[in-house]
């Protein structure tokens, strides 16, 4: 018996990284999955977003566990696309129990030199996109009458200031208050709402040359090794970047019966970043 037998989870940003890790882990423990990601291009960020092949790989990995999945190409900025994806999953599986609002982007640059587009894209995806996700999905949990759980992916950057991250930090800090308000509003329905706050995680969003250059500006063609050497003091514990599975472990605890009385909380997974 799995911890999530007969449960259904909706996950945004599921094509790779943390979202894929969450989807596969939940499926391994019995959940059916509704997964979205987008192949849309965001010109203001310095790395490519997920591809259709990435989302297909998540589908393959979930189905390999023996569980079912409904996957859609949908942008969290698009309320209609979100609603259509959730509705398709609920129509097939008959319920919704868990929402993981995980989709997000990360760019960097000095606050006063940042373009309007960079600021707006980040706020629209990382903050407004989460609100749209909850608006599309949570009513299905309410309608089920069984309670449920929502976990929002914030960041250690939402509670600790770092230069060159004004748009990202503002979006992630905004998620904290969204979480707290929603936790109060949804408690009468026995729906819990929490945030997770990872330090750097080894995903495509982090492992790229433009970020390496931010940490090692004096190196002509910086590599991951250069980044790790420059960032070795980022965390108190001896790790530069977590693995997606490290965050997944915390998420699964929050959405399981073991976390049934945890709501309105900020769960830090930061390896001592803020010590």
C-alpha atoms as a PDB file:
ATOM      1  CA  UNK A   1       0.000   0.000   0.000  1.00  0.00           C
ATOM      2  CA  UNK A   2       1.313   3.451  -0.924  1.00  0.00           C
ATOM      3  CA  UNK A   3       0.853   6.627   1.081  1.00  0.00           C
ATOM      4  CA  UNK A   4      -1.136   8.141  -1.780  1.00  0.00           C
ATOM      5  CA  UNK A   5      -3.231   5.257  -3.080  1.00  0.00           C
ATOM      6  CA  UNK A   6      -6.407   6.555  -4.766  1.00  0.00           C
ATOM      7  CA  UNK A   7      -5.211  10.174  -4.525  1.00  0.00           C
ATOM      8  CA  UNK A   8      -4.800  12.562  -7.463  1.00  0.00           C
ATOM      9  CA  UNK A   9      -2.194  15.315  -7.642  1.00  0.00           C
ATOM     10  CA  UNK A  10      -2.009  18.323  -9.960  1.00  0.00           C
ATOM     11  CA  UNK A  11       1.559  19.543 -10.565  1.00  0.00           C
ATOM     12  CA  UNK A  12       2.743  22.587 -12.504  1.00  0.00           C
ATOM     13  CA  UNK A  13       6.220  22.769 -13.999  1.00  0.00           C
ATOM     14  CA  UNK A  14       6.197  18.976 -14.208  1.00  0.00           C
ATOM     15  CA  UNK A  15       8.294  18.447 -17.339  1.00  0.00           C
ATOM     16  CA  UNK A  16      11.632  18.381 -15.525  1.00  0.00           C
ATOM     17  CA  UNK A  17      13.455  19.286 -12.312  1.00  0.00           C
ATOM     18  CA  UNK A  18      11.524  19.423  -9.066  1.00  0.00           C
ATOM     19  CA  UNK A  19       8.140  19.042 -10.754  1.00  0.00           C
ATOM     20  CA  UNK A  20       9.114  15.800 -12.458  1.00  0.00           C
ATOM     21  CA  UNK A  21      10.645  14.513  -9.231  1.00  0.00           C
ATOM     22  CA  UNK A  22       7.422  15.252  -7.333  1.00  0.00           C
ATOM     23  CA  UNK A  23       5.285  13.584 -10.007  1.00  0.00           C
ATOM     24  CA  UNK A  24       7.298  10.380 -10.132  1.00  0.00           C
ATOM     25  CA  UNK A  25       7.594  10.079  -6.342  1.00  0.00           C
ATOM     26  CA  UNK A  26       3.862  10.564  -5.833  1.00  0.00           C
ATOM     27  CA  UNK A  27       3.106   8.014  -8.552  1.00  0.00           C
ATOM     28  CA  UNK A  28       5.482   5.517  -6.958  1.00  0.00           C
ATOM     29  CA  UNK A  29       3.374   5.813  -3.812  1.00  0.00           C
ATOM     30  CA  UNK A  30       0.054   5.316  -5.552  1.00  0.00           C
ATOM     31  CA  UNK A  31      -1.136   8.701  -6.850  1.00  0.00           C
ATOM     32  CA  UNK A  32      -2.461   9.484 -10.310  1.00  0.00           C
ATOM     33  CA  UNK A  33      -1.017  12.664 -11.783  1.00  0.00           C
ATOM     34  CA  UNK A  34      -2.284  15.701 -13.675  1.00  0.00           C
ATOM     35  CA  UNK A  35       0.814  17.416 -15.052  1.00  0.00           C
ATOM     36  CA  UNK A  36       1.387  20.626 -16.948  1.00  0.00           C
ATOM     37  CA  UNK A  37       4.319  22.553 -18.293  1.00  0.00           C
ATOM     38  CA  UNK A  38       4.767  24.990 -21.132  1.00  0.00           C
ATOM     39  CA  UNK A  39       6.884  25.034 -24.255  1.00  0.00           C
ATOM     40  CA  UNK A  40       6.311  28.773 -24.622  1.00  0.00           C
ATOM     41  CA  UNK A  41       9.412  30.922 -24.926  1.00  0.00           C
ATOM     42  CA  UNK A  42      10.113  33.636 -22.342  1.00  0.00           C
ATOM     43  CA  UNK A  43      12.593  36.046 -23.924  1.00  0.00           C
ATOM     44  CA  UNK A  44      13.575  37.725 -20.662  1.00  0.00           C
ATOM     45  CA  UNK A  45      15.171  34.645 -19.106  1.00  0.00           C
ATOM     46  CA  UNK A  46      18.602  33.358 -20.176  1.00  0.00           C
ATOM     47  CA  UNK A  47      17.844  29.664 -20.564  1.00  0.00           C
ATOM     48  CA  UNK A  48      15.394  27.498 -22.520  1.00  0.00           C
ATOM     49  CA  UNK A  49      12.207  26.301 -20.890  1.00  0.00           C
ATOM     50  CA  UNK A  50      11.012  22.711 -20.990  1.00  0.00           C
ATOM     51  CA  UNK A  51      10.297  20.943 -24.256  1.00  0.00           C
ATOM     52  CA  UNK A  52       7.492  18.653 -25.325  1.00  0.00           C
ATOM     53  CA  UNK A  53      10.009  15.799 -25.116  1.00  0.00           C
ATOM     54  CA  UNK A  54      10.686  16.705 -21.474  1.00  0.00           C
ATOM     55  CA  UNK A  55       6.996  16.430 -20.615  1.00  0.00           C
ATOM     56  CA  UNK A  56       6.765  13.172 -22.586  1.00  0.00           C
ATOM     57  CA  UNK A  57       9.594  11.801 -20.444  1.00  0.00           C
ATOM     58  CA  UNK A  58       7.693  12.681 -17.272  1.00  0.00           C
ATOM     59  CA  UNK A  59       4.695  10.841 -18.701  1.00  0.00           C
ATOM     60  CA  UNK A  60       6.868   7.811 -19.427  1.00  0.00           C
ATOM     61  CA  UNK A  61       8.372   7.781 -15.939  1.00  0.00           C
ATOM     62  CA  UNK A  62       4.980   8.085 -14.242  1.00  0.00           C
ATOM     63  CA  UNK A  63       3.420   5.376 -16.398  1.00  0.00           C
ATOM     64  CA  UNK A  64       6.380   3.118 -15.651  1.00  0.00           C
ATOM     65  CA  UNK A  65       5.251   3.105 -12.010  1.00  0.00           C
ATOM     66  CA  UNK A  66       1.878   1.695 -13.081  1.00  0.00           C
ATOM     67  CA  UNK A  67      -0.031   4.881 -12.349  1.00  0.00           C
ATOM     68  CA  UNK A  68      -2.012   7.063 -14.743  1.00  0.00           C
ATOM     69  CA  UNK A  69      -1.207  10.579 -15.920  1.00  0.00           C
ATOM     70  CA  UNK A  70      -2.931  13.346 -17.851  1.00  0.00           C
ATOM     71  CA  UNK A  71      -0.327  15.775 -19.226  1.00  0.00           C
ATOM     72  CA  UNK A  72      -0.962  19.056 -21.016  1.00  0.00           C
ATOM     73  CA  UNK A  73       1.105  21.884 -22.488  1.00  0.00           C
ATOM     74  CA  UNK A  74      -0.259  24.830 -20.505  1.00  0.00           C
ATOM     75  CA  UNK A  75       1.167  28.142 -19.326  1.00  0.00           C
ATOM     76  CA  UNK A  76       0.390  29.168 -15.731  1.00  0.00           C
ATOM     77  CA  UNK A  77      -0.271  32.683 -17.020  1.00  0.00           C
ATOM     78  CA  UNK A  78      -3.230  31.325 -19.004  1.00  0.00           C
ATOM     79  CA  UNK A  79      -6.257  30.754 -16.754  1.00  0.00           C
ATOM     80  CA  UNK A  80      -8.241  28.999 -19.482  1.00  0.00           C
ATOM     81  CA  UNK A  81      -5.427  26.562 -20.265  1.00  0.00           C
ATOM     82  CA  UNK A  82      -4.980  25.806 -16.564  1.00  0.00           C
ATOM     83  CA  UNK A  83      -8.687  25.167 -16.088  1.00  0.00           C
ATOM     84  CA  UNK A  84      -8.842  22.938 -19.174  1.00  0.00           C
ATOM     85  CA  UNK A  85      -5.909  20.830 -17.957  1.00  0.00           C
ATOM     86  CA  UNK A  86      -7.299  20.413 -14.454  1.00  0.00           C
ATOM     87  CA  UNK A  87     -10.772  19.647 -15.745  1.00  0.00           C
ATOM     88  CA  UNK A  88      -9.408  17.009 -18.114  1.00  0.00           C
ATOM     89  CA  UNK A  89      -7.617  15.294 -15.263  1.00  0.00           C
ATOM     90  CA  UNK A  90     -10.553  15.429 -12.877  1.00  0.00           C
ATOM     91  CA  UNK A  91     -12.872  14.140 -15.614  1.00  0.00           C
ATOM     92  CA  UNK A  92     -10.605  11.130 -16.074  1.00  0.00           C
ATOM     93  CA  UNK A  93      -9.692  10.395 -12.457  1.00  0.00           C
ATOM     94  CA  UNK A  94     -12.823  11.616 -10.698  1.00  0.00           C
ATOM     95  CA  UNK A  95     -11.172  13.662  -7.956  1.00  0.00           C
ATOM     96  CA  UNK A  96      -8.371  15.989  -6.908  1.00  0.00           C
ATOM     97  CA  UNK A  97      -6.553  15.876  -3.572  1.00  0.00           C
ATOM     98  CA  UNK A  98      -3.168  17.563  -3.937  1.00  0.00           C
ATOM     99  CA  UNK A  99      -1.960  20.700  -5.723  1.00  0.00           C
ATOM    100  CA  UNK A 100       1.748  21.400  -6.134  1.00  0.00           C
ATOM    101  CA  UNK A 101       2.239  24.915  -7.518  1.00  0.00           C
ATOM    102  CA  UNK A 102       5.817  24.423  -8.606  1.00  0.00           C
ATOM    103  CA  UNK A 103       6.268  26.226 -11.950  1.00  0.00           C
ATOM    104  CA  UNK A 104       8.682  29.136 -11.898  1.00  0.00           C
ATOM    105  CA  UNK A 105      11.489  30.966 -13.676  1.00  0.00           C
ATOM    106  CA  UNK A 106      14.690  32.587 -12.485  1.00  0.00           C
ATOM    107  CA  UNK A 107      16.595  35.493 -13.971  1.00  0.00           C
ATOM    108  CA  UNK A 108      19.071  37.913 -12.468  1.00  0.00           C
ATOM    109  CA  UNK A 109      20.380  41.436 -12.880  1.00  0.00           C
ATOM    110  CA  UNK A 110      20.767  44.728 -11.011  1.00  0.00           C
ATOM    111  CA  UNK A 111      17.429  46.120  -9.869  1.00  0.00           C
ATOM    112  CA  UNK A 112      17.822  49.485 -11.615  1.00  0.00           C
ATOM    113  CA  UNK A 113      18.994  47.940 -14.885  1.00  0.00           C
ATOM    114  CA  UNK A 114      16.335  45.240 -15.105  1.00  0.00           C
ATOM    115  CA  UNK A 115      13.968  45.508 -18.047  1.00  0.00           C
ATOM    116  CA  UNK A 116      10.256  45.966 -17.568  1.00  0.00           C
ATOM    117  CA  UNK A 117       9.756  42.659 -19.378  1.00  0.00           C
ATOM    118  CA  UNK A 118      12.088  40.753 -17.038  1.00  0.00           C
ATOM    119  CA  UNK A 119      10.270  42.075 -13.985  1.00  0.00           C
ATOM    120  CA  UNK A 120       6.795  41.432 -15.382  1.00  0.00           C
ATOM    121  CA  UNK A 121       7.520  37.952 -16.739  1.00  0.00           C
ATOM    122  CA  UNK A 122       8.860  36.850 -13.373  1.00  0.00           C
ATOM    123  CA  UNK A 123       5.959  38.262 -11.366  1.00  0.00           C
ATOM    124  CA  UNK A 124       3.415  36.929 -13.872  1.00  0.00           C
ATOM    125  CA  UNK A 125       4.778  33.375 -13.791  1.00  0.00           C
ATOM    126  CA  UNK A 126       6.120  32.993 -10.253  1.00  0.00           C
ATOM    127  CA  UNK A 127       3.423  34.844  -8.311  1.00  0.00           C
ATOM    128  CA  UNK A 128       0.322  35.491 -10.413  1.00  0.00           C
ATOM    129  CA  UNK A 129       0.714  32.082 -12.045  1.00  0.00           C
ATOM    130  CA  UNK A 130       0.520  30.409  -8.648  1.00  0.00           C
ATOM    131  CA  UNK A 131      -2.654  32.310  -7.777  1.00  0.00           C
ATOM    132  CA  UNK A 132      -4.170  31.283 -11.121  1.00  0.00           C
ATOM    133  CA  UNK A 133      -3.117  27.689 -10.456  1.00  0.00           C
ATOM    134  CA  UNK A 134      -4.876  27.625  -7.094  1.00  0.00           C
ATOM    135  CA  UNK A 135      -7.940  29.364  -8.525  1.00  0.00           C
ATOM    136  CA  UNK A 136      -8.238  26.701 -11.232  1.00  0.00           C
ATOM    137  CA  UNK A 137      -7.499  23.659  -9.087  1.00  0.00           C
ATOM    138  CA  UNK A 138      -8.509  24.124  -5.453  1.00  0.00           C
ATOM    139  CA  UNK A 139     -12.287  24.294  -6.102  1.00  0.00           C
ATOM    140  CA  UNK A 140     -12.065  20.656  -7.209  1.00  0.00           C
ATOM    141  CA  UNK A 141     -10.589  19.705  -3.827  1.00  0.00           C
ATOM    142  CA  UNK A 142     -13.353  21.639  -2.073  1.00  0.00           C
ATOM    143  CA  UNK A 143     -15.996  19.911  -4.191  1.00  0.00           C
ATOM    144  CA  UNK A 144     -14.601  16.513  -3.172  1.00  0.00           C
ATOM    145  CA  UNK A 145     -15.358  17.215   0.477  1.00  0.00           C
ATOM    146  CA  UNK A 146     -12.433  15.082   1.653  1.00  0.00           C
ATOM    147  CA  UNK A 147      -9.924  17.828   2.414  1.00  0.00           C
ATOM    148  CA  UNK A 148      -6.527  17.976   0.786  1.00  0.00           C
ATOM    149  CA  UNK A 149      -3.212  19.741   0.586  1.00  0.00           C
ATOM    150  CA  UNK A 150      -1.520  22.517  -1.390  1.00  0.00           C
ATOM    151  CA  UNK A 151       2.228  23.074  -1.482  1.00  0.00           C
ATOM    152  CA  UNK A 152       3.662  26.179  -3.134  1.00  0.00           C
ATOM    153  CA  UNK A 153       7.304  26.261  -4.201  1.00  0.00           C
ATOM    154  CA  UNK A 154       8.869  29.430  -2.850  1.00  0.00           C
ATOM    155  CA  UNK A 155      12.600  29.813  -2.204  1.00  0.00           C
ATOM    156  CA  UNK A 156      15.128  30.756   0.419  1.00  0.00           C
ATOM    157  CA  UNK A 157      15.322  33.928  -1.701  1.00  0.00           C
ATOM    158  CA  UNK A 158      11.834  34.755  -0.474  1.00  0.00           C
ATOM    159  CA  UNK A 159      13.128  35.290   3.061  1.00  0.00           C
ATOM    160  CA  UNK A 160      16.772  36.291   2.533  1.00  0.00           C
ATOM    161  CA  UNK A 161      17.945  39.164   0.343  1.00  0.00           C
ATOM    162  CA  UNK A 162      20.521  38.600  -2.382  1.00  0.00           C
ATOM    163  CA  UNK A 163      21.744  41.200  -4.845  1.00  0.00           C
ATOM    164  CA  UNK A 164      20.565  41.018  -8.467  1.00  0.00           C
ATOM    165  CA  UNK A 165      17.367  39.087  -7.674  1.00  0.00           C
ATOM    166  CA  UNK A 166      14.747  41.791  -6.986  1.00  0.00           C
ATOM    167  CA  UNK A 167      12.088  40.370  -9.309  1.00  0.00           C
ATOM    168  CA  UNK A 168      12.644  36.753  -8.276  1.00  0.00           C
ATOM    169  CA  UNK A 169      12.869  37.529  -4.560  1.00  0.00           C
ATOM    170  CA  UNK A 170       9.757  39.713  -4.686  1.00  0.00           C
ATOM    171  CA  UNK A 171       7.779  36.978  -6.412  1.00  0.00           C
ATOM    172  CA  UNK A 172       8.883  34.324  -3.931  1.00  0.00           C
ATOM    173  CA  UNK A 173       8.250  36.560  -0.927  1.00  0.00           C
ATOM    174  CA  UNK A 174       4.764  37.304  -2.245  1.00  0.00           C
ATOM    175  CA  UNK A 175       4.024  33.584  -2.247  1.00  0.00           C
ATOM    176  CA  UNK A 176       4.464  33.472   1.523  1.00  0.00           C
ATOM    177  CA  UNK A 177       1.562  35.817   2.189  1.00  0.00           C
ATOM    178  CA  UNK A 178      -0.546  34.198  -0.532  1.00  0.00           C
ATOM    179  CA  UNK A 179       0.038  30.894   1.258  1.00  0.00           C
ATOM    180  CA  UNK A 180      -0.880  32.286   4.669  1.00  0.00           C
ATOM    181  CA  UNK A 181      -4.080  33.924   3.419  1.00  0.00           C
ATOM    182  CA  UNK A 182      -5.124  30.793   1.539  1.00  0.00           C
ATOM    183  CA  UNK A 183      -4.340  28.611   4.580  1.00  0.00           C
ATOM    184  CA  UNK A 184      -6.835  30.661   6.622  1.00  0.00           C
ATOM    185  CA  UNK A 185      -9.468  30.650   3.910  1.00  0.00           C
ATOM    186  CA  UNK A 186      -9.219  26.925   3.176  1.00  0.00           C
ATOM    187  CA  UNK A 187      -8.871  25.589   6.726  1.00  0.00           C
ATOM    188  CA  UNK A 188     -12.670  25.218   7.136  1.00  0.00           C
ATOM    189  CA  UNK A 189     -12.526  22.796   4.176  1.00  0.00           C
ATOM    190  CA  UNK A 190      -9.690  20.829   5.831  1.00  0.00           C
ATOM    191  CA  UNK A 191      -7.347  21.907   3.044  1.00  0.00           C
ATOM    192  CA  UNK A 192      -3.822  22.666   4.180  1.00  0.00           C
ATOM    193  CA  UNK A 193      -1.564  25.182   2.415  1.00  0.00           C
ATOM    194  CA  UNK A 194       2.205  25.450   2.934  1.00  0.00           C
ATOM    195  CA  UNK A 195       5.328  26.707   1.170  1.00  0.00           C
ATOM    196  CA  UNK A 196       8.693  25.020   0.673  1.00  0.00           C
ATOM    197  CA  UNK A 197      11.831  27.150   0.544  1.00  0.00           C
ATOM    198  CA  UNK A 198      14.796  25.399  -1.069  1.00  0.00           C
ATOM    199  CA  UNK A 199      18.279  26.748  -1.421  1.00  0.00           C
ATOM    200  CA  UNK A 200      19.828  26.227  -4.889  1.00  0.00           C
ATOM    201  CA  UNK A 201      18.638  23.004  -6.519  1.00  0.00           C
ATOM    202  CA  UNK A 202      20.586  21.232  -9.268  1.00  0.00           C
ATOM    203  CA  UNK A 203      18.100  21.731 -12.108  1.00  0.00           C
ATOM    204  CA  UNK A 204      18.258  23.296 -15.579  1.00  0.00           C
ATOM    205  CA  UNK A 205      17.138  26.585 -14.029  1.00  0.00           C
ATOM    206  CA  UNK A 206      20.386  26.776 -12.017  1.00  0.00           C
ATOM    207  CA  UNK A 207      22.928  24.710 -13.950  1.00  0.00           C
ATOM    208  CA  UNK A 208      23.660  27.129 -16.784  1.00  0.00           C
ATOM    209  CA  UNK A 209      26.495  29.386 -17.924  1.00  0.00           C
ATOM    210  CA  UNK A 210      24.805  32.722 -17.190  1.00  0.00           C
ATOM    211  CA  UNK A 211      24.434  31.794 -13.529  1.00  0.00           C
ATOM    212  CA  UNK A 212      27.970  30.419 -13.384  1.00  0.00           C
ATOM    213  CA  UNK A 213      29.148  33.802 -14.683  1.00  0.00           C
ATOM    214  CA  UNK A 214      27.233  35.596 -11.926  1.00  0.00           C
ATOM    215  CA  UNK A 215      29.215  33.663  -9.331  1.00  0.00           C
ATOM    216  CA  UNK A 216      32.534  33.620 -11.228  1.00  0.00           C
ATOM    217  CA  UNK A 217      32.602  36.901 -13.217  1.00  0.00           C
ATOM    218  CA  UNK A 218      36.385  36.815 -13.668  1.00  0.00           C
ATOM    219  CA  UNK A 219      36.391  33.441 -15.424  1.00  0.00           C
ATOM    220  CA  UNK A 220      36.125  33.668 -19.217  1.00  0.00           C
ATOM    221  CA  UNK A 221      34.044  30.525 -19.760  1.00  0.00           C
ATOM    222  CA  UNK A 222      32.890  29.435 -16.309  1.00  0.00           C
ATOM    223  CA  UNK A 223      31.881  25.834 -15.708  1.00  0.00           C
ATOM    224  CA  UNK A 224      29.862  24.101 -13.037  1.00  0.00           C
ATOM    225  CA  UNK A 225      33.118  23.465 -11.175  1.00  0.00           C
ATOM    226  CA  UNK A 226      33.846  27.209 -11.181  1.00  0.00           C
ATOM    227  CA  UNK A 227      30.336  27.896  -9.889  1.00  0.00           C
ATOM    228  CA  UNK A 228      30.699  25.336  -7.101  1.00  0.00           C
ATOM    229  CA  UNK A 229      34.071  26.717  -6.072  1.00  0.00           C
ATOM    230  CA  UNK A 230      32.669  30.259  -5.880  1.00  0.00           C
ATOM    231  CA  UNK A 231      29.414  29.210  -4.205  1.00  0.00           C
ATOM    232  CA  UNK A 232      30.829  26.731  -1.680  1.00  0.00           C
ATOM    233  CA  UNK A 233      30.005  29.051   1.226  1.00  0.00           C
ATOM    234  CA  UNK A 234      26.413  29.596   0.084  1.00  0.00           C
ATOM    235  CA  UNK A 235      25.130  27.017   2.577  1.00  0.00           C
ATOM    236  CA  UNK A 236      26.277  26.174   6.098  1.00  0.00           C
ATOM    237  CA  UNK A 237      26.119  22.457   5.340  1.00  0.00           C
ATOM    238  CA  UNK A 238      28.742  21.108   2.911  1.00  0.00           C
ATOM    239  CA  UNK A 239      26.545  21.144  -0.202  1.00  0.00           C
ATOM    240  CA  UNK A 240      26.345  23.715  -3.003  1.00  0.00           C
ATOM    241  CA  UNK A 241      23.043  22.576  -4.515  1.00  0.00           C
ATOM    242  CA  UNK A 242      20.340  20.168  -3.432  1.00  0.00           C
ATOM    243  CA  UNK A 243      18.957  17.440  -5.645  1.00  0.00           C
ATOM    244  CA  UNK A 244      15.279  17.704  -6.669  1.00  0.00           C
ATOM    245  CA  UNK A 245      14.556  14.610  -4.596  1.00  0.00           C
ATOM    246  CA  UNK A 246      15.638  16.461  -1.441  1.00  0.00           C
ATOM    247  CA  UNK A 247      12.775  18.900  -1.949  1.00  0.00           C
ATOM    248  CA  UNK A 248      10.395  16.117  -2.954  1.00  0.00           C
ATOM    249  CA  UNK A 249      10.937  14.406   0.396  1.00  0.00           C
ATOM    250  CA  UNK A 250       9.669  17.510   2.202  1.00  0.00           C
ATOM    251  CA  UNK A 251       6.759  17.974  -0.186  1.00  0.00           C
ATOM    252  CA  UNK A 252       5.591  14.393   0.263  1.00  0.00           C
ATOM    253  CA  UNK A 253       5.673  14.787   4.030  1.00  0.00           C
ATOM    254  CA  UNK A 254       3.523  17.915   3.823  1.00  0.00           C
ATOM    255  CA  UNK A 255       0.874  16.340   1.595  1.00  0.00           C
ATOM    256  CA  UNK A 256       0.772  13.026   3.473  1.00  0.00           C
ATOM    257  CA  UNK A 257      -1.193  12.090   6.565  1.00  0.00           C
ATOM    258  CA  UNK A 258       2.022  12.643   8.554  1.00  0.00           C
ATOM    259  CA  UNK A 259       1.586  16.358   7.820  1.00  0.00           C
ATOM    260  CA  UNK A 260      -2.152  16.488   8.449  1.00  0.00           C
ATOM    261  CA  UNK A 261      -1.887  19.270  11.021  1.00  0.00           C
ATOM    262  CA  UNK A 262       0.722  21.386   9.236  1.00  0.00           C
ATOM    263  CA  UNK A 263      -0.743  24.433   7.522  1.00  0.00           C
ATOM    264  CA  UNK A 264       0.241  28.048   7.024  1.00  0.00           C
ATOM    265  CA  UNK A 265       3.895  27.086   7.465  1.00  0.00           C
ATOM    266  CA  UNK A 266       7.142  27.852   5.682  1.00  0.00           C
ATOM    267  CA  UNK A 267       9.150  24.644   5.316  1.00  0.00           C
ATOM    268  CA  UNK A 268      12.834  25.501   4.879  1.00  0.00           C
ATOM    269  CA  UNK A 269      15.040  23.129   2.873  1.00  0.00           C
ATOM    270  CA  UNK A 270      17.996  25.501   2.820  1.00  0.00           C
ATOM    271  CA  UNK A 271      21.039  23.592   4.131  1.00  0.00           C
ATOM    272  CA  UNK A 272      21.720  26.419   6.560  1.00  0.00           C
ATOM    273  CA  UNK A 273      21.714  29.238   4.024  1.00  0.00           C
ATOM    274  CA  UNK A 274      20.232  31.701   6.493  1.00  0.00           C
ATOM    275  CA  UNK A 275      22.425  30.848   9.503  1.00  0.00           C
END
